[in-house]
Amino acid sequence: MMPGKGPQHPTLKRSFLFALQGLRVALMQERNVKIMVGGAAFAMVMGVLSGLNAQEWAINLLCCGVVLAAELLNTAVETVVDLVSPEYHPLAGRAKDIAAAAVWVLSLFVALAGLILYVTALLRRFG
């Protein structure tokens, strides 16, 4: 049977519902996801205060979405690692550390991009 076919495969609507369920679980249970949502809210407020134009808003939204998606992927990696290696193992720890480092590096670069966006917009607005 081909993937995506057959009576056992969820409909498109059910697939979206599963995705929303995953987002809800992550928001309710994962501290770092909550922190990233808070960072995204801060970025939106900064966008309003600095008077971003349409292109800058697109960059701002894309950066927020990418960081949130990366944190969700990191959470998924950590969940799978915990499932397959409930006891401590150096390779499991390394996998989790590397996944977390990927989010950290991305967040650092997004913060720098945000700084450039907001400073440029503020200079244009008040300078």
PDB file of N, CA and C in Angstrom:
ATOM      1  N   MET A   1       0.842  -1.168   0.000  1.00  0.00           N
ATOM      2  CA  MET A   1       0.000   0.000   0.000  1.00  0.00           C
ATOM      3  C   MET A   1       0.895   1.242   0.000  1.00  0.00           C
ATOM      4  N   MET A   2       0.542   2.234  -0.799  1.00  0.00           N
ATOM      5  CA  MET A   2       1.321   3.460  -0.884  1.00  0.00           C
ATOM      6  C   MET A   2       1.039   4.338   0.337  1.00  0.00           C
ATOM      7  N   PRO A   3       2.082   5.030   0.824  1.00  0.00           N
ATOM      8  CA  PRO A   3       1.840   5.965   1.937  1.00  0.00           C
ATOM      9  C   PRO A   3       0.805   7.009   1.531  1.00  0.00           C
ATOM     10  N   GLY A   4      -0.059   7.346   2.475  1.00  0.00           N
ATOM     11  CA  GLY A   4      -1.070   8.361   2.202  1.00  0.00           C
ATOM     12  C   GLY A   4      -2.341   7.813   1.598  1.00  0.00           C
ATOM     13  N   LYS A   5      -2.412   6.510   1.430  1.00  0.00           N
ATOM     14  CA  LYS A   5      -3.596   5.886   0.839  1.00  0.00           C
ATOM     15  C   LYS A   5      -4.197   4.896   1.827  1.00  0.00           C
ATOM     16  N   GLY A   6      -5.438   4.600   1.622  1.00  0.00           N
ATOM     17  CA  GLY A   6      -6.076   3.551   2.399  1.00  0.00           C
ATOM     18  C   GLY A   6      -6.956   4.081   3.507  1.00  0.00           C
ATOM     19  N   PRO A   7      -7.792   3.197   4.055  1.00  0.00           N
ATOM     20  CA  PRO A   7      -8.780   3.605   5.055  1.00  0.00           C
ATOM     21  C   PRO A   7      -8.157   4.007   6.391  1.00  0.00           C
ATOM     22  N   GLN A   8      -6.965   3.527   6.692  1.00  0.00           N
ATOM     23  CA  GLN A   8      -6.339   3.845   7.973  1.00  0.00           C
ATOM     24  C   GLN A   8      -5.653   5.209   7.975  1.00  0.00           C
ATOM     25  N   HIS A   9      -5.429   5.769   6.793  1.00  0.00           N
ATOM     26  CA  HIS A   9      -4.730   7.050   6.710  1.00  0.00           C
ATOM     27  C   HIS A   9      -5.696   8.184   7.056  1.00  0.00           C
ATOM     28  N   PRO A  10      -5.252   9.143   7.921  1.00  0.00           N
ATOM     29  CA  PRO A  10      -6.169  10.220   8.307  1.00  0.00           C
ATOM     30  C   PRO A  10      -6.473  11.163   7.144  1.00  0.00           C
ATOM     31  N   THR A  11      -7.638  11.738   7.203  1.00  0.00           N
ATOM     32  CA  THR A  11      -8.022  12.732   6.194  1.00  0.00           C
ATOM     33  C   THR A  11      -7.172  13.981   6.394  1.00  0.00           C
ATOM     34  N   LEU A  12      -7.231  14.870   5.432  1.00  0.00           N
ATOM     35  CA  LEU A  12      -6.494  16.127   5.536  1.00  0.00           C
ATOM     36  C   LEU A  12      -6.959  16.918   6.769  1.00  0.00           C
ATOM     37  N   LYS A  13      -8.260  16.926   6.988  1.00  0.00           N
ATOM     38  CA  LYS A  13      -8.809  17.635   8.147  1.00  0.00           C
ATOM     39  C   LYS A  13      -8.271  17.049   9.449  1.00  0.00           C
ATOM     40  N   ARG A  14      -8.263  15.717   9.540  1.00  0.00           N
ATOM     41  CA  ARG A  14      -7.739  15.074  10.759  1.00  0.00           C
ATOM     42  C   ARG A  14      -6.248  15.331  10.917  1.00  0.00           C
ATOM     43  N   SER A  15      -5.513  15.400   9.826  1.00  0.00           N
ATOM     44  CA  SER A  15      -4.080  15.700   9.902  1.00  0.00           C
ATOM     45  C   SER A  15      -3.853  17.082  10.497  1.00  0.00           C
ATOM     46  N   PHE A  16      -4.647  18.069  10.067  1.00  0.00           N
ATOM     47  CA  PHE A  16      -4.542  19.405  10.636  1.00  0.00           C
ATOM     48  C   PHE A  16      -4.923  19.406  12.114  1.00  0.00           C
ATOM     49  N   LEU A  17      -5.934  18.622  12.458  1.00  0.00           N
ATOM     50  CA  LEU A  17      -6.336  18.544  13.863  1.00  0.00           C
ATOM     51  C   LEU A  17      -5.236  17.923  14.721  1.00  0.00           C
ATOM     52  N   PHE A  18      -4.536  16.915  14.181  1.00  0.00           N
ATOM     53  CA  PHE A  18      -3.406  16.331  14.904  1.00  0.00           C
ATOM     54  C   PHE A  18      -2.309  17.374  15.113  1.00  0.00           C
ATOM     55  N   ALA A  19      -2.053  18.185  14.083  1.00  0.00           N
ATOM     56  CA  ALA A  19      -1.033  19.234  14.195  1.00  0.00           C
ATOM     57  C   ALA A  19      -1.429  20.256  15.260  1.00  0.00           C
ATOM     58  N   LEU A  20      -2.680  20.657  15.265  1.00  0.00           N
ATOM     59  CA  LEU A  20      -3.150  21.602  16.282  1.00  0.00           C
ATOM     60  C   LEU A  20      -3.080  20.992  17.676  1.00  0.00           C
ATOM     61  N   GLN A  21      -3.366  19.709  17.778  1.00  0.00           N
ATOM     62  CA  GLN A  21      -3.251  19.015  19.059  1.00  0.00           C
ATOM     63  C   GLN A  21      -1.796  19.027  19.533  1.00  0.00           C
ATOM     64  N   GLY A  22      -0.869  18.778  18.622  1.00  0.00           N
ATOM     65  CA  GLY A  22       0.550  18.816  18.975  1.00  0.00           C
ATOM     66  C   GLY A  22       0.982  20.194  19.436  1.00  0.00           C
ATOM     67  N   LEU A  23       0.509  21.232  18.759  1.00  0.00           N
ATOM     68  CA  LEU A  23       0.823  22.597  19.164  1.00  0.00           C
ATOM     69  C   LEU A  23       0.255  22.889  20.548  1.00  0.00           C
ATOM     70  N   ARG A  24      -0.981  22.473  20.788  1.00  0.00           N
ATOM     71  CA  ARG A  24      -1.618  22.697  22.084  1.00  0.00           C
ATOM     72  C   ARG A  24      -0.839  22.000  23.200  1.00  0.00           C
ATOM     73  N   VAL A  25      -0.457  20.756  22.979  1.00  0.00           N
ATOM     74  CA  VAL A  25       0.307  20.009  23.987  1.00  0.00           C
ATOM     75  C   VAL A  25       1.637  20.703  24.260  1.00  0.00           C
ATOM     76  N   ALA A  26       2.315  21.126  23.213  1.00  0.00           N
ATOM     77  CA  ALA A  26       3.604  21.798  23.387  1.00  0.00           C
ATOM     78  C   ALA A  26       3.434  23.100  24.163  1.00  0.00           C
ATOM     79  N   LEU A  27       2.399  23.865  23.829  1.00  0.00           N
ATOM     80  CA  LEU A  27       2.164  25.132  24.534  1.00  0.00           C
ATOM     81  C   LEU A  27       1.823  24.912  25.999  1.00  0.00           C
ATOM     82  N   MET A  28       1.121  23.835  26.291  1.00  0.00           N
ATOM     83  CA  MET A  28       0.692  23.571  27.666  1.00  0.00           C
ATOM     84  C   MET A  28       1.818  22.977  28.513  1.00  0.00           C
ATOM     85  N   GLN A  29       2.705  22.183  27.896  1.00  0.00           N
ATOM     86  CA  GLN A  29       3.629  21.381  28.689  1.00  0.00           C
ATOM     87  C   GLN A  29       5.095  21.774  28.566  1.00  0.00           C
ATOM     88  N   GLU A  30       5.460  22.534  27.555  1.00  0.00           N
ATOM     89  CA  GLU A  30       6.876  22.795  27.306  1.00  0.00           C
ATOM     90  C   GLU A  30       7.252  24.234  27.642  1.00  0.00           C
ATOM     91  N   ARG A  31       8.105  24.402  28.647  1.00  0.00           N
ATOM     92  CA  ARG A  31       8.540  25.726  29.086  1.00  0.00           C
ATOM     93  C   ARG A  31       9.190  26.518  27.959  1.00  0.00           C
ATOM     94  N   ASN A  32      10.080  25.885  27.207  1.00  0.00           N
ATOM     95  CA  ASN A  32      10.795  26.617  26.165  1.00  0.00           C
ATOM     96  C   ASN A  32       9.882  27.068  25.032  1.00  0.00           C
ATOM     97  N   VAL A  33       8.845  26.318  24.747  1.00  0.00           N
ATOM     98  CA  VAL A  33       7.879  26.747  23.733  1.00  0.00           C
ATOM     99  C   VAL A  33       7.163  28.000  24.235  1.00  0.00           C
ATOM    100  N   LYS A  34       6.810  28.008  25.515  1.00  0.00           N
ATOM    101  CA  LYS A  34       6.176  29.195  26.092  1.00  0.00           C
ATOM    102  C   LYS A  34       7.107  30.405  26.013  1.00  0.00           C
ATOM    103  N   ILE A  35       8.390  30.186  26.272  1.00  0.00           N
ATOM    104  CA  ILE A  35       9.369  31.272  26.188  1.00  0.00           C
ATOM    105  C   ILE A  35       9.444  31.802  24.755  1.00  0.00           C
ATOM    106  N   MET A  36       9.455  30.906  23.777  1.00  0.00           N
ATOM    107  CA  MET A  36       9.529  31.329  22.374  1.00  0.00           C
ATOM    108  C   MET A  36       8.267  32.079  21.962  1.00  0.00           C
ATOM    109  N   VAL A  37       7.111  31.659  22.445  1.00  0.00           N
ATOM    110  CA  VAL A  37       5.864  32.389  22.156  1.00  0.00           C
ATOM    111  C   VAL A  37       5.927  33.777  22.786  1.00  0.00           C
ATOM    112  N   GLY A  38       6.476  33.856  24.001  1.00  0.00           N
ATOM    113  CA  GLY A  38       6.666  35.163  24.624  1.00  0.00           C
ATOM    114  C   GLY A  38       7.610  36.041  23.821  1.00  0.00           C
ATOM    115  N   GLY A  39       8.675  35.440  23.301  1.00  0.00           N
ATOM    116  CA  GLY A  39       9.599  36.189  22.443  1.00  0.00           C
ATOM    117  C   GLY A  39       8.928  36.668  21.174  1.00  0.00           C
ATOM    118  N   ALA A  40       8.080  35.840  20.606  1.00  0.00           N
ATOM    119  CA  ALA A  40       7.344  36.239  19.395  1.00  0.00           C
ATOM    120  C   ALA A  40       6.389  37.384  19.700  1.00  0.00           C
ATOM    121  N   ALA A  41       5.726  37.324  20.856  1.00  0.00           N
ATOM    122  CA  ALA A  41       4.829  38.420  21.255  1.00  0.00           C
ATOM    123  C   ALA A  41       5.620  39.712  21.442  1.00  0.00           C
ATOM    124  N   PHE A  42       6.793  39.605  22.052  1.00  0.00           N
ATOM    125  CA  PHE A  42       7.669  40.769  22.211  1.00  0.00           C
ATOM    126  C   PHE A  42       8.071  41.331  20.848  1.00  0.00           C
ATOM    127  N   ALA A  43       8.384  40.453  19.914  1.00  0.00           N
ATOM    128  CA  ALA A  43       8.767  40.892  18.564  1.00  0.00           C
ATOM    129  C   ALA A  43       7.611  41.605  17.877  1.00  0.00           C
ATOM    130  N   MET A  44       6.390  41.139  18.110  1.00  0.00           N
ATOM    131  CA  MET A  44       5.224  41.809  17.510  1.00  0.00           C
ATOM    132  C   MET A  44       5.033  43.206  18.108  1.00  0.00           C
ATOM    133  N   VAL A  45       5.184  43.309  19.423  1.00  0.00           N
ATOM    134  CA  VAL A  45       5.063  44.619  20.076  1.00  0.00           C
ATOM    135  C   VAL A  45       6.156  45.556  19.565  1.00  0.00           C
ATOM    136  N   MET A  46       7.364  45.045  19.472  1.00  0.00           N
ATOM    137  CA  MET A  46       8.473  45.866  18.956  1.00  0.00           C
ATOM    138  C   MET A  46       8.204  46.297  17.515  1.00  0.00           C
ATOM    139  N   GLY A  47       7.596  45.427  16.733  1.00  0.00           N
ATOM    140  CA  GLY A  47       7.248  45.779  15.357  1.00  0.00           C
ATOM    141  C   GLY A  47       6.266  46.925  15.298  1.00  0.00           C
ATOM    142  N   VAL A  48       5.269  46.896  16.173  1.00  0.00           N
ATOM    143  CA  VAL A  48       4.282  47.976  16.226  1.00  0.00           C
ATOM    144  C   VAL A  48       4.947  49.267  16.687  1.00  0.00           C
ATOM    145  N   LEU A  49       5.736  49.198  17.757  1.00  0.00           N
ATOM    146  CA  LEU A  49       6.366  50.394  18.314  1.00  0.00           C
ATOM    147  C   LEU A  49       7.380  51.027  17.371  1.00  0.00           C
ATOM    148  N   SER A  50       8.060  50.193  16.597  1.00  0.00           N
ATOM    149  CA  SER A  50       9.088  50.740  15.704  1.00  0.00           C
ATOM    150  C   SER A  50       8.528  51.118  14.332  1.00  0.00           C
ATOM    151  N   GLY A  51       7.279  50.765  14.058  1.00  0.00           N
ATOM    152  CA  GLY A  51       6.660  51.156  12.794  1.00  0.00           C
ATOM    153  C   GLY A  51       7.211  50.423  11.588  1.00  0.00           C
ATOM    154  N   LEU A  52       7.277  49.105  11.677  1.00  0.00           N
ATOM    155  CA  LEU A  52       7.789  48.319  10.548  1.00  0.00           C
ATOM    156  C   LEU A  52       6.912  48.508   9.315  1.00  0.00           C
ATOM    157  N   ASN A  53       7.554  48.470   8.144  1.00  0.00           N
ATOM    158  CA  ASN A  53       6.786  48.483   6.897  1.00  0.00           C
ATOM    159  C   ASN A  53       6.400  47.046   6.541  1.00  0.00           C
ATOM    160  N   ALA A  54       5.704  46.860   5.440  1.00  0.00           N
ATOM    161  CA  ALA A  54       5.180  45.532   5.070  1.00  0.00           C
ATOM    162  C   ALA A  54       6.292  44.500   4.902  1.00  0.00           C
ATOM    163  N   GLN A  55       7.370  44.860   4.245  1.00  0.00           N
ATOM    164  CA  GLN A  55       8.464  43.901   4.050  1.00  0.00           C
ATOM    165  C   GLN A  55       9.127  43.548   5.375  1.00  0.00           C
ATOM    166  N   GLU A  56       9.285  44.535   6.240  1.00  0.00           N
ATOM    167  CA  GLU A  56       9.886  44.274   7.545  1.00  0.00           C
ATOM    168  C   GLU A  56       8.972  43.402   8.400  1.00  0.00           C
ATOM    169  N   TRP A  57       7.656  43.615   8.298  1.00  0.00           N
ATOM    170  CA  TRP A  57       6.714  42.747   9.006  1.00  0.00           C
ATOM    171  C   TRP A  57       6.830  41.312   8.511  1.00  0.00           C
ATOM    172  N   ALA A  58       6.985  41.154   7.208  1.00  0.00           N
ATOM    173  CA  ALA A  58       7.129  39.797   6.651  1.00  0.00           C
ATOM    174  C   ALA A  58       8.370  39.115   7.228  1.00  0.00           C
ATOM    175  N   ILE A  59       9.464  39.845   7.310  1.00  0.00           N
ATOM    176  CA  ILE A  59      10.700  39.287   7.878  1.00  0.00           C
ATOM    177  C   ILE A  59      10.493  38.968   9.354  1.00  0.00           C
ATOM    178  N   ASN A  60       9.878  39.893  10.082  1.00  0.00           N
ATOM    179  CA  ASN A  60       9.620  39.705  11.504  1.00  0.00           C
ATOM    180  C   ASN A  60       8.772  38.449  11.743  1.00  0.00           C
ATOM    181  N   LEU A  61       7.685  38.318  10.999  1.00  0.00           N
ATOM    182  CA  LEU A  61       6.806  37.156  11.148  1.00  0.00           C
ATOM    183  C   LEU A  61       7.512  35.861  10.765  1.00  0.00           C
ATOM    184  N   LEU A  62       8.269  35.903   9.679  1.00  0.00           N
ATOM    185  CA  LEU A  62       9.001  34.714   9.240  1.00  0.00           C
ATOM    186  C   LEU A  62      10.021  34.288  10.292  1.00  0.00           C
ATOM    187  N   CYS A  63      10.743  35.241  10.848  1.00  0.00           N
ATOM    188  CA  CYS A  63      11.716  34.919  11.894  1.00  0.00           C
ATOM    189  C   CYS A  63      11.032  34.279  13.101  1.00  0.00           C
ATOM    190  N   CYS A  64       9.915  34.851  13.528  1.00  0.00           N
ATOM    191  CA  CYS A  64       9.187  34.286  14.665  1.00  0.00           C
ATOM    192  C   CYS A  64       8.705  32.877  14.363  1.00  0.00           C
ATOM    193  N   GLY A  65       8.158  32.683  13.189  1.00  0.00           N
ATOM    194  CA  GLY A  65       7.665  31.370  12.809  1.00  0.00           C
ATOM    195  C   GLY A  65       8.760  30.332  12.723  1.00  0.00           C
ATOM    196  N   VAL A  66       9.904  30.717  12.199  1.00  0.00           N
ATOM    197  CA  VAL A  66      11.018  29.768  12.062  1.00  0.00           C
ATOM    198  C   VAL A  66      11.549  29.364  13.436  1.00  0.00           C
ATOM    199  N   VAL A  67      11.677  30.332  14.341  1.00  0.00           N
ATOM    200  CA  VAL A  67      12.162  29.998  15.686  1.00  0.00           C
ATOM    201  C   VAL A  67      11.163  29.095  16.409  1.00  0.00           C
ATOM    202  N   LEU A  68       9.880  29.402  16.310  1.00  0.00           N
ATOM    203  CA  LEU A  68       8.871  28.544  16.949  1.00  0.00           C
ATOM    204  C   LEU A  68       8.889  27.138  16.360  1.00  0.00           C
ATOM    205  N   ALA A  69       8.993  27.060  15.039  1.00  0.00           N
ATOM    206  CA  ALA A  69       9.040  25.744  14.397  1.00  0.00           C
ATOM    207  C   ALA A  69      10.286  24.970  14.828  1.00  0.00           C
ATOM    208  N   ALA A  70      11.416  25.652  14.930  1.00  0.00           N
ATOM    209  CA  ALA A  70      12.643  24.993  15.369  1.00  0.00           C
ATOM    210  C   ALA A  70      12.504  24.482  16.800  1.00  0.00           C
ATOM    211  N   GLU A  71      11.883  25.257  17.665  1.00  0.00           N
ATOM    212  CA  GLU A  71      11.682  24.818  19.045  1.00  0.00           C
ATOM    213  C   GLU A  71      10.738  23.624  19.096  1.00  0.00           C
ATOM    214  N   LEU A  72       9.711  23.618  18.261  1.00  0.00           N
ATOM    215  CA  LEU A  72       8.818  22.457  18.216  1.00  0.00           C
ATOM    216  C   LEU A  72       9.559  21.214  17.721  1.00  0.00           C
ATOM    217  N   LEU A  73      10.411  21.374  16.710  1.00  0.00           N
ATOM    218  CA  LEU A  73      11.218  20.242  16.235  1.00  0.00           C
ATOM    219  C   LEU A  73      12.182  19.770  17.316  1.00  0.00           C
ATOM    220  N   ASN A  74      12.797  20.703  18.039  1.00  0.00           N
ATOM    221  CA  ASN A  74      13.681  20.337  19.133  1.00  0.00           C
ATOM    222  C   ASN A  74      12.916  19.546  20.194  1.00  0.00           C
ATOM    223  N   THR A  75      11.721  19.987  20.507  1.00  0.00           N
ATOM    224  CA  THR A  75      10.888  19.275  21.479  1.00  0.00           C
ATOM    225  C   THR A  75      10.567  17.872  20.981  1.00  0.00           C
ATOM    226  N   ALA A  76      10.270  17.748  19.692  1.00  0.00           N
ATOM    227  CA  ALA A  76       9.987  16.419  19.128  1.00  0.00           C
ATOM    228  C   ALA A  76      11.216  15.519  19.206  1.00  0.00           C
ATOM    229  N   VAL A  77      12.390  16.060  18.878  1.00  0.00           N
ATOM    230  CA  VAL A  77      13.631  15.281  18.960  1.00  0.00           C
ATOM    231  C   VAL A  77      13.850  14.813  20.396  1.00  0.00           C
ATOM    232  N   GLU A  78      13.707  15.721  21.350  1.00  0.00           N
ATOM    233  CA  GLU A  78      13.917  15.354  22.746  1.00  0.00           C
ATOM    234  C   GLU A  78      12.911  14.301  23.207  1.00  0.00           C
ATOM    235  N   THR A  79      11.680  14.400  22.747  1.00  0.00           N
ATOM    236  CA  THR A  79      10.656  13.426  23.119  1.00  0.00           C
ATOM    237  C   THR A  79      10.999  12.047  22.564  1.00  0.00           C
ATOM    238  N   VAL A  80      11.414  11.989  21.313  1.00  0.00           N
ATOM    239  CA  VAL A  80      11.778  10.700  20.711  1.00  0.00           C
ATOM    240  C   VAL A  80      13.016  10.115  21.384  1.00  0.00           C
ATOM    241  N   VAL A  81      14.005  10.948  21.666  1.00  0.00           N
ATOM    242  CA  VAL A  81      15.205  10.461  22.352  1.00  0.00           C
ATOM    243  C   VAL A  81      14.841   9.897  23.721  1.00  0.00           C
ATOM    244  N   ASP A  82      13.966  10.597  24.459  1.00  0.00           N
ATOM    245  CA  ASP A  82      13.539  10.087  25.760  1.00  0.00           C
ATOM    246  C   ASP A  82      12.790   8.766  25.635  1.00  0.00           C
ATOM    247  N   LEU A  83      12.032   8.616  24.540  1.00  0.00           N
ATOM    248  CA  LEU A  83      11.290   7.378  24.319  1.00  0.00           C
ATOM    249  C   LEU A  83      12.235   6.203  24.072  1.00  0.00           C
ATOM    250  N   VAL A  84      13.229   6.400  23.203  1.00  0.00           N
ATOM    251  CA  VAL A  84      14.102   5.282  22.825  1.00  0.00           C
ATOM    252  C   VAL A  84      15.249   5.075  23.804  1.00  0.00           C
ATOM    253  N   SER A  85      15.530   6.073  24.638  1.00  0.00           N
ATOM    254  CA  SER A  85      16.618   5.943  25.598  1.00  0.00           C
ATOM    255  C   SER A  85      16.195   6.538  26.938  1.00  0.00           C
ATOM    256  N   PRO A  86      15.314   5.832  27.669  1.00  0.00           N
ATOM    257  CA  PRO A  86      14.822   6.382  28.938  1.00  0.00           C
ATOM    258  C   PRO A  86      15.927   6.573  29.979  1.00  0.00           C
ATOM    259  N   GLU A  87      16.947   5.721  29.943  1.00  0.00           N
ATOM    260  CA  GLU A  87      18.084   5.893  30.839  1.00  0.00           C
ATOM    261  C   GLU A  87      19.094   6.809  30.150  1.00  0.00           C
ATOM    262  N   TYR A  88      19.950   7.424  30.963  1.00  0.00           N
ATOM    263  CA  TYR A  88      20.949   8.324  30.378  1.00  0.00           C
ATOM    264  C   TYR A  88      21.902   7.541  29.486  1.00  0.00           C
ATOM    265  N   HIS A  89      22.162   8.080  28.328  1.00  0.00           N
ATOM    266  CA  HIS A  89      23.170   7.555  27.420  1.00  0.00           C
ATOM    267  C   HIS A  89      23.874   8.751  26.804  1.00  0.00           C
ATOM    268  N   PRO A  90      25.212   8.705  26.689  1.00  0.00           N
ATOM    269  CA  PRO A  90      25.934   9.857  26.156  1.00  0.00           C
ATOM    270  C   PRO A  90      25.472  10.275  24.757  1.00  0.00           C
ATOM    271  N   LEU A  91      25.143   9.329  23.908  1.00  0.00           N
ATOM    272  CA  LEU A  91      24.681   9.679  22.562  1.00  0.00           C
ATOM    273  C   LEU A  91      23.299  10.334  22.592  1.00  0.00           C
ATOM    274  N   ALA A  92      22.448   9.873  23.497  1.00  0.00           N
ATOM    275  CA  ALA A  92      21.134  10.504  23.643  1.00  0.00           C
ATOM    276  C   ALA A  92      21.301  11.939  24.124  1.00  0.00           C
ATOM    277  N   GLY A  93      22.176  12.137  25.089  1.00  0.00           N
ATOM    278  CA  GLY A  93      22.451  13.480  25.577  1.00  0.00           C
ATOM    279  C   GLY A  93      23.032  14.367  24.493  1.00  0.00           C
ATOM    280  N   ARG A  94      23.927  13.803  23.683  1.00  0.00           N
ATOM    281  CA  ARG A  94      24.526  14.574  22.595  1.00  0.00           C
ATOM    282  C   ARG A  94      23.468  14.992  21.579  1.00  0.00           C
ATOM    283  N   ALA A  95      22.579  14.067  21.223  1.00  0.00           N
ATOM    284  CA  ALA A  95      21.516  14.395  20.260  1.00  0.00           C
ATOM    285  C   ALA A  95      20.639  15.529  20.784  1.00  0.00           C
ATOM    286  N   LYS A  96      20.278  15.455  22.055  1.00  0.00           N
ATOM    287  CA  LYS A  96      19.434  16.504  22.640  1.00  0.00           C
ATOM    288  C   LYS A  96      20.174  17.834  22.718  1.00  0.00           C
ATOM    289  N   ASP A  97      21.450  17.782  23.077  1.00  0.00           N
ATOM    290  CA  ASP A  97      22.242  19.014  23.158  1.00  0.00           C
ATOM    291  C   ASP A  97      22.404  19.668  21.792  1.00  0.00           C
ATOM    292  N   ILE A  98      22.627  18.876  20.769  1.00  0.00           N
ATOM    293  CA  ILE A  98      22.808  19.421  19.420  1.00  0.00           C
ATOM    294  C   ILE A  98      21.505  20.015  18.910  1.00  0.00           C
ATOM    295  N   ALA A  99      20.383  19.338  19.166  1.00  0.00           N
ATOM    296  CA  ALA A  99      19.089  19.889  18.747  1.00  0.00           C
ATOM    297  C   ALA A  99      18.820  21.217  19.463  1.00  0.00           C
ATOM    298  N   ALA A 100      19.135  21.288  20.749  1.00  0.00           N
ATOM    299  CA  ALA A 100      18.963  22.536  21.494  1.00  0.00           C
ATOM    300  C   ALA A 100      19.907  23.612  20.977  1.00  0.00           C
ATOM    301  N   ALA A 101      21.120  23.235  20.620  1.00  0.00           N
ATOM    302  CA  ALA A 101      22.083  24.202  20.079  1.00  0.00           C
ATOM    303  C   ALA A 101      21.589  24.783  18.763  1.00  0.00           C
ATOM    304  N   ALA A 102      20.932  23.981  17.957  1.00  0.00           N
ATOM    305  CA  ALA A 102      20.394  24.484  16.693  1.00  0.00           C
ATOM    306  C   ALA A 102      19.383  25.593  16.938  1.00  0.00           C
ATOM    307  N   VAL A 103      18.518  25.415  17.929  1.00  0.00           N
ATOM    308  CA  VAL A 103      17.532  26.441  18.268  1.00  0.00           C
ATOM    309  C   VAL A 103      18.232  27.672  18.823  1.00  0.00           C
ATOM    310  N   TRP A 104      19.242  27.468  19.642  1.00  0.00           N
ATOM    311  CA  TRP A 104      19.982  28.590  20.233  1.00  0.00           C
ATOM    312  C   TRP A 104      20.666  29.426  19.153  1.00  0.00           C
ATOM    313  N   VAL A 105      21.342  28.757  18.216  1.00  0.00           N
ATOM    314  CA  VAL A 105      22.023  29.478  17.128  1.00  0.00           C
ATOM    315  C   VAL A 105      21.005  30.245  16.285  1.00  0.00           C
ATOM    316  N   LEU A 106      19.921  29.588  15.934  1.00  0.00           N
ATOM    317  CA  LEU A 106      18.877  30.255  15.152  1.00  0.00           C
ATOM    318  C   LEU A 106      18.324  31.451  15.911  1.00  0.00           C
ATOM    319  N   SER A 107      18.061  31.294  17.187  1.00  0.00           N
ATOM    320  CA  SER A 107      17.523  32.385  17.997  1.00  0.00           C
ATOM    321  C   SER A 107      18.490  33.558  18.071  1.00  0.00           C
ATOM    322  N   LEU A 108      19.765  33.270  18.169  1.00  0.00           N
ATOM    323  CA  LEU A 108      20.773  34.325  18.205  1.00  0.00           C
ATOM    324  C   LEU A 108      20.755  35.139  16.913  1.00  0.00           C
ATOM    325  N   PHE A 109      20.741  34.461  15.787  1.00  0.00           N
ATOM    326  CA  PHE A 109      20.737  35.157  14.497  1.00  0.00           C
ATOM    327  C   PHE A 109      19.419  35.895  14.258  1.00  0.00           C
ATOM    328  N   VAL A 110      18.316  35.321  14.695  1.00  0.00           N
ATOM    329  CA  VAL A 110      17.023  36.006  14.568  1.00  0.00           C
ATOM    330  C   VAL A 110      16.994  37.249  15.456  1.00  0.00           C
ATOM    331  N   ALA A 111      17.575  37.166  16.651  1.00  0.00           N
ATOM    332  CA  ALA A 111      17.642  38.348  17.519  1.00  0.00           C
ATOM    333  C   ALA A 111      18.457  39.456  16.859  1.00  0.00           C
ATOM    334  N   LEU A 112      19.560  39.096  16.228  1.00  0.00           N
ATOM    335  CA  LEU A 112      20.361  40.093  15.518  1.00  0.00           C
ATOM    336  C   LEU A 112      19.585  40.692  14.345  1.00  0.00           C
ATOM    337  N   ALA A 113      18.882  39.850  13.607  1.00  0.00           N
ATOM    338  CA  ALA A 113      18.060  40.350  12.500  1.00  0.00           C
ATOM    339  C   ALA A 113      16.974  41.279  13.029  1.00  0.00           C
ATOM    340  N   GLY A 114      16.359  40.917  14.144  1.00  0.00           N
ATOM    341  CA  GLY A 114      15.347  41.770  14.752  1.00  0.00           C
ATOM    342  C   GLY A 114      15.920  43.107  15.175  1.00  0.00           C
ATOM    343  N   LEU A 115      17.099  43.076  15.754  1.00  0.00           N
ATOM    344  CA  LEU A 115      17.753  44.316  16.154  1.00  0.00           C
ATOM    345  C   LEU A 115      17.975  45.231  14.949  1.00  0.00           C
ATOM    346  N   ILE A 116      18.429  44.654  13.869  1.00  0.00           N
ATOM    347  CA  ILE A 116      18.623  45.438  12.639  1.00  0.00           C
ATOM    348  C   ILE A 116      17.291  46.006  12.154  1.00  0.00           C
ATOM    349  N   LEU A 117      16.258  45.171  12.148  1.00  0.00           N
ATOM    350  CA  LEU A 117      14.933  45.627  11.712  1.00  0.00           C
ATOM    351  C   LEU A 117      14.434  46.793  12.555  1.00  0.00           C
ATOM    352  N   TYR A 118      14.463  46.629  13.869  1.00  0.00           N
ATOM    353  CA  TYR A 118      13.873  47.630  14.747  1.00  0.00           C
ATOM    354  C   TYR A 118      14.685  48.919  14.767  1.00  0.00           C
ATOM    355  N   VAL A 119      16.006  48.809  14.802  1.00  0.00           N
ATOM    356  CA  VAL A 119      16.836  50.019  14.804  1.00  0.00           C
ATOM    357  C   VAL A 119      16.659  50.786  13.498  1.00  0.00           C
ATOM    358  N   THR A 120      16.660  50.071  12.389  1.00  0.00           N
ATOM    359  CA  THR A 120      16.459  50.725  11.089  1.00  0.00           C
ATOM    360  C   THR A 120      15.104  51.414  11.027  1.00  0.00           C
ATOM    361  N   ALA A 121      14.069  50.726  11.482  1.00  0.00           N
ATOM    362  CA  ALA A 121      12.727  51.308  11.452  1.00  0.00           C
ATOM    363  C   ALA A 121      12.626  52.509  12.388  1.00  0.00           C
ATOM    364  N   LEU A 122      13.234  52.411  13.557  1.00  0.00           N
ATOM    365  CA  LEU A 122      13.191  53.530  14.500  1.00  0.00           C
ATOM    366  C   LEU A 122      13.963  54.738  13.972  1.00  0.00           C
ATOM    367  N   LEU A 123      15.097  54.490  13.348  1.00  0.00           N
ATOM    368  CA  LEU A 123      15.862  55.593  12.741  1.00  0.00           C
ATOM    369  C   LEU A 123      15.061  56.267  11.622  1.00  0.00           C
ATOM    370  N   ARG A 124      14.401  55.451  10.834  1.00  0.00           N
ATOM    371  CA  ARG A 124      13.574  55.994   9.751  1.00  0.00           C
ATOM    372  C   ARG A 124      12.402  56.804  10.320  1.00  0.00           C
ATOM    373  N   ARG A 125      11.852  56.329  11.400  1.00  0.00           N
ATOM    374  CA  ARG A 125      10.664  56.965  11.993  1.00  0.00           C
ATOM    375  C   ARG A 125      11.012  58.246  12.769  1.00  0.00           C
ATOM    376  N   PHE A 126      12.104  58.200  13.531  1.00  0.00           N
ATOM    377  CA  PHE A 126      12.433  59.314  14.415  1.00  0.00           C
ATOM    378  C   PHE A 126      13.717  60.042  14.040  1.00  0.00           C
ATOM    379  N   GLY A 127      14.492  59.437  13.139  1.00  0.00           N
ATOM    380  CA  GLY A 127      15.811  59.990  12.855  1.00  0.00           C
ATOM    381  C   GLY A 127      15.847  60.952  11.750  1.00  0.00           C
TER     382      GLY A 127
END
